[in-house]
Amino acid sequence: MLVIITTVLLYVCGFVFLYGVIRLAVRHGMEDLEARRPHALRAARSAAEHDQAFLRENAFLSGN
């Protein structure tokens, strides 16, 4: 009987621990995304400006 109680207790504690680890990992992942967002926006804006300048210089490639 003691073995069953110990097994159930460890099983439940394992799930609680796993939930905590996953929650912590997701929180850190979201913080990393928020920290990188300004850089990603600048990169996207720069890429769009580069594409527009390229198409202006090479209009024959765009079919216009």
N, C-alpha and C. Protein backbone atom coordinates (compact mmCIF):
# COMPACT_ATOMS: atom_id res chain seq x y z
N MET A 1 0.83 -1.20 0.00
CA MET A 1 0.00 0.00 0.00
C MET A 1 0.87 1.25 0.00
N LEU A 2 1.96 1.21 0.75
CA LEU A 2 2.88 2.35 0.81
C LEU A 2 3.51 2.62 -0.56
N VAL A 3 3.75 1.56 -1.31
CA VAL A 3 4.34 1.72 -2.64
C VAL A 3 3.36 2.44 -3.57
N ILE A 4 2.09 2.09 -3.51
CA ILE A 4 1.08 2.72 -4.36
C ILE A 4 0.93 4.19 -4.01
N ILE A 5 0.91 4.50 -2.73
CA ILE A 5 0.78 5.90 -2.30
C ILE A 5 1.99 6.71 -2.74
N THR A 6 3.18 6.15 -2.57
CA THR A 6 4.41 6.82 -2.99
C THR A 6 4.42 7.02 -4.50
N THR A 7 4.01 6.02 -5.24
CA THR A 7 3.98 6.12 -6.70
C THR A 7 3.02 7.20 -7.15
N VAL A 8 1.83 7.24 -6.58
CA VAL A 8 0.84 8.26 -6.95
C VAL A 8 1.34 9.64 -6.58
N LEU A 9 1.94 9.77 -5.42
CA LEU A 9 2.47 11.06 -4.98
C LEU A 9 3.57 11.55 -5.91
N LEU A 10 4.50 10.68 -6.27
CA LEU A 10 5.57 11.06 -7.20
C LEU A 10 5.01 11.37 -8.59
N TYR A 11 4.01 10.64 -9.00
CA TYR A 11 3.38 10.87 -10.30
C TYR A 11 2.76 12.26 -10.35
N VAL A 12 2.01 12.60 -9.31
CA VAL A 12 1.35 13.91 -9.24
C VAL A 12 2.41 15.02 -9.15
N CYS A 13 3.41 14.83 -8.30
CA CYS A 13 4.47 15.84 -8.17
C CYS A 13 5.22 16.01 -9.49
N GLY A 14 5.40 14.94 -10.21
CA GLY A 14 6.06 15.02 -11.52
C GLY A 14 5.27 15.88 -12.49
N PHE A 15 3.95 15.71 -12.51
CA PHE A 15 3.13 16.53 -13.40
C PHE A 15 3.14 17.99 -12.98
N VAL A 16 3.12 18.26 -11.69
CA VAL A 16 3.18 19.64 -11.21
C VAL A 16 4.52 20.26 -11.59
N PHE A 17 5.60 19.52 -11.41
CA PHE A 17 6.93 20.01 -11.78
C PHE A 17 7.00 20.27 -13.28
N LEU A 18 6.51 19.34 -14.08
CA LEU A 18 6.54 19.49 -15.53
C LEU A 18 5.72 20.70 -15.97
N TYR A 19 4.58 20.92 -15.35
CA TYR A 19 3.76 22.09 -15.65
C TYR A 19 4.54 23.37 -15.36
N GLY A 20 5.23 23.41 -14.23
CA GLY A 20 6.02 24.58 -13.86
C GLY A 20 7.15 24.83 -14.83
N VAL A 21 7.83 23.79 -15.25
CA VAL A 21 8.95 23.94 -16.20
C VAL A 21 8.44 24.43 -17.54
N ILE A 22 7.35 23.88 -18.02
CA ILE A 22 6.80 24.31 -19.30
C ILE A 22 6.33 25.76 -19.22
N ARG A 23 5.69 26.11 -18.12
CA ARG A 23 5.22 27.49 -17.95
C ARG A 23 6.39 28.48 -17.92
N LEU A 24 7.46 28.11 -17.24
CA LEU A 24 8.65 28.95 -17.17
C LEU A 24 9.29 29.10 -18.55
N ALA A 25 9.35 28.01 -19.30
CA ALA A 25 9.95 28.05 -20.64
C ALA A 25 9.12 28.93 -21.57
N VAL A 26 7.82 28.84 -21.49
CA VAL A 26 6.96 29.66 -22.35
C VAL A 26 7.11 31.13 -21.98
N ARG A 27 7.19 31.44 -20.68
CA ARG A 27 7.35 32.83 -20.25
C ARG A 27 8.66 33.41 -20.77
N HIS A 28 9.74 32.63 -20.67
CA HIS A 28 11.03 33.12 -21.17
C HIS A 28 11.02 33.27 -22.68
N GLY A 29 10.35 32.37 -23.35
CA GLY A 29 10.23 32.47 -24.79
C GLY A 29 9.47 33.73 -25.22
N MET A 30 8.40 34.03 -24.51
CA MET A 30 7.62 35.24 -24.83
C MET A 30 8.45 36.50 -24.54
N GLU A 31 9.23 36.49 -23.46
CA GLU A 31 10.09 37.64 -23.17
C GLU A 31 11.13 37.82 -24.27
N ASP A 32 11.69 36.73 -24.77
CA ASP A 32 12.67 36.82 -25.85
C ASP A 32 12.03 37.39 -27.11
N LEU A 33 10.80 36.96 -27.40
CA LEU A 33 10.11 37.48 -28.57
C LEU A 33 9.86 38.98 -28.45
N GLU A 34 9.45 39.41 -27.27
CA GLU A 34 9.20 40.84 -27.05
C GLU A 34 10.49 41.64 -27.16
N ALA A 35 11.60 41.07 -26.71
CA ALA A 35 12.88 41.77 -26.78
C ALA A 35 13.36 41.88 -28.22
N ARG A 36 13.06 40.90 -29.05
CA ARG A 36 13.53 40.90 -30.44
C ARG A 36 12.58 41.59 -31.41
N ARG A 37 11.39 41.92 -30.94
CA ARG A 37 10.39 42.51 -31.84
C ARG A 37 10.85 43.80 -32.51
N PRO A 38 11.44 44.77 -31.78
CA PRO A 38 11.87 46.01 -32.46
C PRO A 38 12.90 45.74 -33.56
N HIS A 39 13.83 44.82 -33.30
CA HIS A 39 14.82 44.50 -34.32
C HIS A 39 14.16 43.86 -35.55
N ALA A 40 13.21 42.97 -35.31
CA ALA A 40 12.52 42.32 -36.43
C ALA A 40 11.72 43.33 -37.25
N LEU A 41 11.08 44.30 -36.58
CA LEU A 41 10.32 45.32 -37.29
C LEU A 41 11.25 46.20 -38.13
N ARG A 42 12.39 46.57 -37.55
CA ARG A 42 13.37 47.37 -38.31
C ARG A 42 13.87 46.59 -39.52
N ALA A 43 14.15 45.32 -39.33
CA ALA A 43 14.64 44.49 -40.44
C ALA A 43 13.58 44.37 -41.53
N ALA A 44 12.33 44.18 -41.15
CA ALA A 44 11.26 44.07 -42.14
C ALA A 44 11.07 45.38 -42.90
N ARG A 45 11.12 46.49 -42.16
CA ARG A 45 10.97 47.80 -42.79
C ARG A 45 12.12 48.05 -43.75
N SER A 46 13.33 47.71 -43.34
CA SER A 46 14.51 47.90 -44.18
C SER A 46 14.41 47.03 -45.44
N ALA A 47 13.95 45.80 -45.27
CA ALA A 47 13.82 44.89 -46.42
C ALA A 47 12.77 45.42 -47.39
N ALA A 48 11.67 45.96 -46.87
CA ALA A 48 10.64 46.51 -47.75
C ALA A 48 11.16 47.72 -48.51
N GLU A 49 11.91 48.58 -47.83
CA GLU A 49 12.49 49.75 -48.50
C GLU A 49 13.50 49.31 -49.55
N HIS A 50 14.29 48.30 -49.23
CA HIS A 50 15.27 47.79 -50.20
C HIS A 50 14.56 47.22 -51.43
N ASP A 51 13.49 46.47 -51.21
CA ASP A 51 12.73 45.90 -52.33
C ASP A 51 12.14 46.99 -53.21
N GLN A 52 11.59 48.02 -52.59
CA GLN A 52 11.00 49.12 -53.37
C GLN A 52 12.06 49.84 -54.17
N ALA A 53 13.21 50.09 -53.56
CA ALA A 53 14.30 50.75 -54.29
C ALA A 53 14.79 49.88 -55.43
N PHE A 54 14.90 48.58 -55.20
CA PHE A 54 15.34 47.66 -56.24
C PHE A 54 14.36 47.67 -57.41
N LEU A 55 13.05 47.64 -57.11
CA LEU A 55 12.05 47.63 -58.18
C LEU A 55 12.02 48.96 -58.94
N ARG A 56 12.28 50.07 -58.23
CA ARG A 56 12.35 51.35 -58.93
C ARG A 56 13.53 51.37 -59.89
N GLU A 57 14.66 50.86 -59.45
CA GLU A 57 15.85 50.84 -60.31
C GLU A 57 15.75 49.82 -61.44
N ASN A 58 15.01 48.76 -61.21
CA ASN A 58 14.91 47.67 -62.20
C ASN A 58 13.44 47.40 -62.52
N ALA A 59 12.78 48.41 -63.04
CA ALA A 59 11.34 48.29 -63.31
C ALA A 59 11.04 47.22 -64.36
N PHE A 60 11.98 46.95 -65.22
CA PHE A 60 11.75 45.93 -66.26
C PHE A 60 11.58 44.55 -65.66
N LEU A 61 12.08 44.32 -64.45
CA LEU A 61 11.93 43.02 -63.81
C LEU A 61 10.55 42.81 -63.21
N SER A 62 9.88 43.91 -62.87
CA SER A 62 8.59 43.79 -62.21
C SER A 62 7.43 43.67 -63.18
N GLY A 63 7.68 43.88 -64.43
CA GLY A 63 6.62 43.77 -65.44
C GLY A 63 5.77 45.01 -65.55
N ASN A 64 6.16 46.10 -64.94
CA ASN A 64 5.40 47.36 -65.02
C ASN A 64 6.01 48.29 -66.04
